[in-house]
């Protein structure tokens, strides 16, 4: 966690650390702070993630 402390909000620190330890390929989030953390993990919005895998995104009320 020390590696990312100060590069992302405290509330997101555990999520980013878990993603890094798990060696995930993507973080799917609308939170722009994940991109600012400058990790090797690709950060995509839900719409970008859906498009990447050929899923047609649609608007929702959520």
PDB file of N, CA and C in Angstrom:
ATOM      1  N   UNK A   1       0.826  -1.189   0.000  1.00  0.00           N
ATOM      2  CA  UNK A   1       0.000   0.000   0.000  1.00  0.00           C
ATOM      3  C   UNK A   1       0.871   1.254   0.000  1.00  0.00           C
ATOM      4  N   UNK A   2       2.037   1.136   0.584  1.00  0.00           N
ATOM      5  CA  UNK A   2       2.927   2.284   0.630  1.00  0.00           C
ATOM      6  C   UNK A   2       3.337   2.757  -0.749  1.00  0.00           C
ATOM      7  N   UNK A   3       3.397   1.843  -1.695  1.00  0.00           N
ATOM      8  CA  UNK A   3       3.784   2.174  -3.071  1.00  0.00           C
ATOM      9  C   UNK A   3       2.823   3.178  -3.713  1.00  0.00           C
ATOM     10  N   UNK A   4       1.539   3.091  -3.359  1.00  0.00           N
ATOM     11  CA  UNK A   4       0.534   3.951  -3.974  1.00  0.00           C
ATOM     12  C   UNK A   4       0.033   5.074  -3.069  1.00  0.00           C
ATOM     13  N   UNK A   5       0.443   5.060  -1.817  1.00  0.00           N
ATOM     14  CA  UNK A   5      -0.016   6.092  -0.874  1.00  0.00           C
ATOM     15  C   UNK A   5       0.383   7.467  -1.389  1.00  0.00           C
ATOM     16  N   UNK A   6      -0.576   8.363  -1.419  1.00  0.00           N
ATOM     17  CA  UNK A   6      -0.342   9.713  -1.912  1.00  0.00           C
ATOM     18  C   UNK A   6      -0.591   9.854  -3.409  1.00  0.00           C
ATOM     19  N   UNK A   7      -0.747   8.721  -4.108  1.00  0.00           N
ATOM     20  CA  UNK A   7      -1.020   8.771  -5.544  1.00  0.00           C
ATOM     21  C   UNK A   7      -2.493   8.549  -5.847  1.00  0.00           C
ATOM     22  N   UNK A   8      -3.259   8.161  -4.819  1.00  0.00           N
ATOM     23  CA  UNK A   8      -4.687   7.886  -4.980  1.00  0.00           C
ATOM     24  C   UNK A   8      -5.368   8.188  -3.645  1.00  0.00           C
ATOM     25  N   UNK A   9      -6.666   8.429  -3.692  1.00  0.00           N
ATOM     26  CA  UNK A   9      -7.403   8.717  -2.463  1.00  0.00           C
ATOM     27  C   UNK A   9      -7.290   7.546  -1.489  1.00  0.00           C
ATOM     28  N   UNK A  10      -7.268   7.871  -0.216  1.00  0.00           N
ATOM     29  CA  UNK A  10      -7.131   6.863   0.833  1.00  0.00           C
ATOM     30  C   UNK A  10      -8.204   5.776   0.715  1.00  0.00           C
ATOM     31  N   UNK A  11      -9.440   6.174   0.371  1.00  0.00           N
ATOM     32  CA  UNK A  11     -10.533   5.194   0.278  1.00  0.00           C
ATOM     33  C   UNK A  11     -10.353   4.220  -0.877  1.00  0.00           C
ATOM     34  N   UNK A  12      -9.550   4.571  -1.882  1.00  0.00           N
ATOM     35  CA  UNK A  12      -9.320   3.702  -3.036  1.00  0.00           C
ATOM     36  C   UNK A  12      -8.007   2.932  -2.940  1.00  0.00           C
ATOM     37  N   UNK A  13      -7.217   3.242  -1.954  1.00  0.00           N
ATOM     38  CA  UNK A  13      -5.887   2.653  -1.814  1.00  0.00           C
ATOM     39  C   UNK A  13      -5.927   1.127  -1.709  1.00  0.00           C
ATOM     40  N   UNK A  14      -6.826   0.598  -0.915  1.00  0.00           N
ATOM     41  CA  UNK A  14      -6.902  -0.858  -0.749  1.00  0.00           C
ATOM     42  C   UNK A  14      -7.339  -1.545  -2.039  1.00  0.00           C
ATOM     43  N   UNK A  15      -8.218  -0.902  -2.803  1.00  0.00           N
ATOM     44  CA  UNK A  15      -8.680  -1.487  -4.072  1.00  0.00           C
ATOM     45  C   UNK A  15      -7.540  -1.557  -5.087  1.00  0.00           C
ATOM     46  N   UNK A  16      -6.801  -0.480  -5.187  1.00  0.00           N
ATOM     47  CA  UNK A  16      -5.681  -0.434  -6.127  1.00  0.00           C
ATOM     48  C   UNK A  16      -4.592  -1.426  -5.713  1.00  0.00           C
ATOM     49  N   UNK A  17      -4.320  -1.509  -4.427  1.00  0.00           N
ATOM     50  CA  UNK A  17      -3.312  -2.442  -3.932  1.00  0.00           C
ATOM     51  C   UNK A  17      -3.729  -3.890  -4.213  1.00  0.00           C
ATOM     52  N   UNK A  18      -4.990  -4.211  -3.963  1.00  0.00           N
ATOM     53  CA  UNK A  18      -5.489  -5.569  -4.234  1.00  0.00           C
ATOM     54  C   UNK A  18      -5.401  -5.895  -5.718  1.00  0.00           C
ATOM     55  N   UNK A  19      -5.723  -4.939  -6.568  1.00  0.00           N
ATOM     56  CA  UNK A  19      -5.638  -5.151  -8.018  1.00  0.00           C
ATOM     57  C   UNK A  19      -4.191  -5.400  -8.440  1.00  0.00           C
ATOM     58  N   UNK A  20      -3.278  -4.661  -7.868  1.00  0.00           N
ATOM     59  CA  UNK A  20      -1.856  -4.815  -8.194  1.00  0.00           C
ATOM     60  C   UNK A  20      -1.341  -6.179  -7.722  1.00  0.00           C
ATOM     61  N   UNK A  21      -1.665  -6.552  -6.502  1.00  0.00           N
ATOM     62  CA  UNK A  21      -1.223  -7.838  -5.965  1.00  0.00           C
ATOM     63  C   UNK A  21      -1.811  -8.999  -6.772  1.00  0.00           C
ATOM     64  N   UNK A  22      -3.062  -8.858  -7.181  1.00  0.00           N
ATOM     65  CA  UNK A  22      -3.750  -9.911  -7.941  1.00  0.00           C
ATOM     66  C   UNK A  22      -3.334  -9.946  -9.409  1.00  0.00           C
ATOM     67  N   UNK A  23      -2.593  -8.935  -9.836  1.00  0.00           N
ATOM     68  CA  UNK A  23      -2.120  -8.845 -11.220  1.00  0.00           C
ATOM     69  C   UNK A  23      -3.271  -8.883 -12.224  1.00  0.00           C
ATOM     70  N   UNK A  24      -4.291  -8.090 -11.927  1.00  0.00           N
ATOM     71  CA  UNK A  24      -5.431  -8.008 -12.840  1.00  0.00           C
ATOM     72  C   UNK A  24      -5.014  -7.294 -14.122  1.00  0.00           C
ATOM     73  N   UNK A  25      -5.752  -7.532 -15.181  1.00  0.00           N
ATOM     74  CA  UNK A  25      -5.472  -6.873 -16.457  1.00  0.00           C
ATOM     75  C   UNK A  25      -6.110  -5.492 -16.534  1.00  0.00           C
ATOM     76  N   UNK A  26      -7.265  -5.342 -15.869  1.00  0.00           N
ATOM     77  CA  UNK A  26      -8.021  -4.096 -15.966  1.00  0.00           C
ATOM     78  C   UNK A  26      -8.622  -3.716 -14.626  1.00  0.00           C
ATOM     79  N   UNK A  27      -8.763  -2.417 -14.439  1.00  0.00           N
ATOM     80  CA  UNK A  27      -9.607  -1.865 -13.388  1.00  0.00           C
ATOM     81  C   UNK A  27     -10.730  -1.166 -14.139  1.00  0.00           C
ATOM     82  N   UNK A  28     -11.957  -1.512 -13.802  1.00  0.00           N
ATOM     83  CA  UNK A  28     -13.114  -0.902 -14.450  1.00  0.00           C
ATOM     84  C   UNK A  28     -13.724   0.076 -13.453  1.00  0.00           C
ATOM     85  N   UNK A  29     -13.664   1.349 -13.798  1.00  0.00           N
ATOM     86  CA  UNK A  29     -14.116   2.383 -12.868  1.00  0.00           C
ATOM     87  C   UNK A  29     -14.368   3.692 -13.604  1.00  0.00           C
ATOM     88  N   UNK A  30     -15.270   4.468 -13.073  1.00  0.00           N
ATOM     89  CA  UNK A  30     -15.498   5.828 -13.579  1.00  0.00           C
ATOM     90  C   UNK A  30     -14.657   6.834 -12.793  1.00  0.00           C
ATOM     91  N   UNK A  31     -13.985   6.367 -11.778  1.00  0.00           N
ATOM     92  CA  UNK A  31     -13.156   7.219 -10.924  1.00  0.00           C
ATOM     93  C   UNK A  31     -11.835   7.527 -11.640  1.00  0.00           C
ATOM     94  N   UNK A  32     -11.632   8.755 -12.012  1.00  0.00           N
ATOM     95  CA  UNK A  32     -10.438   9.157 -12.771  1.00  0.00           C
ATOM     96  C   UNK A  32      -9.150   9.051 -11.956  1.00  0.00           C
ATOM     97  N   UNK A  33      -9.277   8.974 -10.652  1.00  0.00           N
ATOM     98  CA  UNK A  33      -8.091   8.895  -9.804  1.00  0.00           C
ATOM     99  C   UNK A  33      -7.273   7.633 -10.055  1.00  0.00           C
ATOM    100  N   UNK A  34      -7.923   6.553 -10.489  1.00  0.00           N
ATOM    101  CA  UNK A  34      -7.173   5.333 -10.770  1.00  0.00           C
ATOM    102  C   UNK A  34      -6.188   5.553 -11.917  1.00  0.00           C
ATOM    103  N   UNK A  35      -6.586   6.337 -12.916  1.00  0.00           N
ATOM    104  CA  UNK A  35      -5.665   6.634 -14.022  1.00  0.00           C
ATOM    105  C   UNK A  35      -4.521   7.523 -13.550  1.00  0.00           C
ATOM    106  N   UNK A  36      -4.816   8.436 -12.647  1.00  0.00           N
ATOM    107  CA  UNK A  36      -3.792   9.342 -12.126  1.00  0.00           C
ATOM    108  C   UNK A  36      -2.751   8.614 -11.276  1.00  0.00           C
ATOM    109  N   UNK A  37      -3.093   7.436 -10.778  1.00  0.00           N
ATOM    110  CA  UNK A  37      -2.171   6.677  -9.922  1.00  0.00           C
ATOM    111  C   UNK A  37      -1.000   6.110 -10.725  1.00  0.00           C
ATOM    112  N   UNK A  38      -1.111   6.107 -12.036  1.00  0.00           N
ATOM    113  CA  UNK A  38      -0.029   5.666 -12.932  1.00  0.00           C
ATOM    114  C   UNK A  38       0.490   4.271 -12.579  1.00  0.00           C
ATOM    115  N   UNK A  39      -0.392   3.308 -12.722  1.00  0.00           N
ATOM    116  CA  UNK A  39       0.010   1.915 -12.532  1.00  0.00           C
ATOM    117  C   UNK A  39       0.154   1.261 -13.904  1.00  0.00           C
ATOM    118  N   UNK A  40       0.618   0.033 -13.904  1.00  0.00           N
ATOM    119  CA  UNK A  40       0.724  -0.723 -15.158  1.00  0.00           C
ATOM    120  C   UNK A  40      -0.613  -1.343 -15.544  1.00  0.00           C
ATOM    121  N   UNK A  41      -1.594  -1.253 -14.660  1.00  0.00           N
ATOM    122  CA  UNK A  41      -2.912  -1.827 -14.898  1.00  0.00           C
ATOM    123  C   UNK A  41      -3.725  -0.853 -15.758  1.00  0.00           C
ATOM    124  N   UNK A  42      -4.324  -1.375 -16.824  1.00  0.00           N
ATOM    125  CA  UNK A  42      -5.179  -0.542 -17.672  1.00  0.00           C
ATOM    126  C   UNK A  42      -6.438  -0.164 -16.891  1.00  0.00           C
ATOM    127  N   UNK A  43      -6.820   1.103 -16.965  1.00  0.00           N
ATOM    128  CA  UNK A  43      -8.021   1.583 -16.291  1.00  0.00           C
ATOM    129  C   UNK A  43      -9.022   1.969 -17.369  1.00  0.00           C
ATOM    130  N   UNK A  44     -10.169   1.298 -17.362  1.00  0.00           N
ATOM    131  CA  UNK A  44     -11.199   1.529 -18.363  1.00  0.00           C
ATOM    132  C   UNK A  44     -12.511   1.913 -17.690  1.00  0.00           C
ATOM    133  N   UNK A  45     -13.288   2.734 -18.385  1.00  0.00           N
ATOM    134  CA  UNK A  45     -14.648   3.000 -17.912  1.00  0.00           C
ATOM    135  C   UNK A  45     -15.480   1.756 -18.226  1.00  0.00           C
ATOM    136  N   UNK A  46     -16.642   1.608 -17.607  1.00  0.00           N
ATOM    137  CA  UNK A  46     -17.486   0.459 -17.946  1.00  0.00           C
ATOM    138  C   UNK A  46     -17.799   0.398 -19.449  1.00  0.00           C
ATOM    139  N   UNK A  47     -18.043   1.545 -20.059  1.00  0.00           N
ATOM    140  CA  UNK A  47     -18.361   1.580 -21.489  1.00  0.00           C
ATOM    141  C   UNK A  47     -17.153   1.126 -22.317  1.00  0.00           C
ATOM    142  N   UNK A  48     -15.964   1.585 -21.979  1.00  0.00           N
ATOM    143  CA  UNK A  48     -14.748   1.173 -22.692  1.00  0.00           C
ATOM    144  C   UNK A  48     -14.513  -0.325 -22.546  1.00  0.00           C
ATOM    145  N   UNK A  49     -14.739  -0.845 -21.345  1.00  0.00           N
ATOM    146  CA  UNK A  49     -14.551  -2.271 -21.093  1.00  0.00           C
ATOM    147  C   UNK A  49     -15.520  -3.098 -21.935  1.00  0.00           C
ATOM    148  N   UNK A  50     -16.782  -2.687 -21.969  1.00  0.00           N
ATOM    149  CA  UNK A  50     -17.783  -3.406 -22.765  1.00  0.00           C
ATOM    150  C   UNK A  50     -17.400  -3.401 -24.242  1.00  0.00           C
ATOM    151  N   UNK A  51     -17.022  -2.246 -24.757  1.00  0.00           N
ATOM    152  CA  UNK A  51     -16.634  -2.153 -26.163  1.00  0.00           C
ATOM    153  C   UNK A  51     -15.421  -3.029 -26.470  1.00  0.00           C
ATOM    154  N   UNK A  52     -14.465  -3.084 -25.574  1.00  0.00           N
ATOM    155  CA  UNK A  52     -13.252  -3.872 -25.776  1.00  0.00           C
ATOM    156  C   UNK A  52     -13.579  -5.339 -26.025  1.00  0.00           C
ATOM    157  N   UNK A  53     -14.621  -5.820 -25.378  1.00  0.00           N
ATOM    158  CA  UNK A  53     -14.991  -7.224 -25.506  1.00  0.00           C
ATOM    159  C   UNK A  53     -16.209  -7.449 -26.402  1.00  0.00           C
ATOM    160  N   UNK A  54     -16.526  -6.455 -27.217  1.00  0.00           N
ATOM    161  CA  UNK A  54     -17.594  -6.606 -28.204  1.00  0.00           C
ATOM    162  C   UNK A  54     -18.995  -6.606 -27.638  1.00  0.00           C
ATOM    163  N   UNK A  55     -19.147  -6.061 -26.459  1.00  0.00           N
ATOM    164  CA  UNK A  55     -20.464  -5.971 -25.843  1.00  0.00           C
ATOM    165  C   UNK A  55     -21.005  -4.586 -26.138  1.00  0.00           C
ATOM    166  N   UNK A  56     -22.210  -4.521 -26.646  1.00  0.00           N
ATOM    167  CA  UNK A  56     -22.790  -3.221 -26.977  1.00  0.00           C
ATOM    168  C   UNK A  56     -23.229  -2.527 -25.681  1.00  0.00           C
ATOM    169  N   UNK A  57     -22.568  -1.419 -25.353  1.00  0.00           N
ATOM    170  CA  UNK A  57     -22.960  -0.699 -24.128  1.00  0.00           C
ATOM    171  C   UNK A  57     -24.289   0.028 -24.314  1.00  0.00           C
ATOM    172  N   UNK A  58     -24.969   0.269 -23.235  1.00  0.00           N
ATOM    173  CA  UNK A  58     -26.215   1.016 -23.281  1.00  0.00           C
ATOM    174  C   UNK A  58     -26.315   1.889 -22.052  1.00  0.00           C
ATOM    175  N   UNK A  59     -27.064   2.934 -22.173  1.00  0.00           N
ATOM    176  CA  UNK A  59     -27.268   3.856 -21.056  1.00  0.00           C
ATOM    177  C   UNK A  59     -28.197   3.210 -20.032  1.00  0.00           C
ATOM    178  N   UNK A  60     -27.944   3.477 -18.779  1.00  0.00           N
ATOM    179  CA  UNK A  60     -28.809   2.988 -17.732  1.00  0.00           C
ATOM    180  C   UNK A  60     -29.070   4.110 -16.739  1.00  0.00           C
ATOM    181  N   UNK A  61     -29.994   3.897 -15.868  1.00  0.00           N
ATOM    182  CA  UNK A  61     -30.336   4.917 -14.881  1.00  0.00           C
ATOM    183  C   UNK A  61     -29.469   4.795 -13.651  1.00  0.00           C
ATOM    184  N   UNK A  62     -28.635   3.768 -13.581  1.00  0.00           N
ATOM    185  CA  UNK A  62     -27.803   3.529 -12.399  1.00  0.00           C
ATOM    186  C   UNK A  62     -26.657   4.485 -12.364  1.00  0.00           C
TER     187      UNK A  62
END
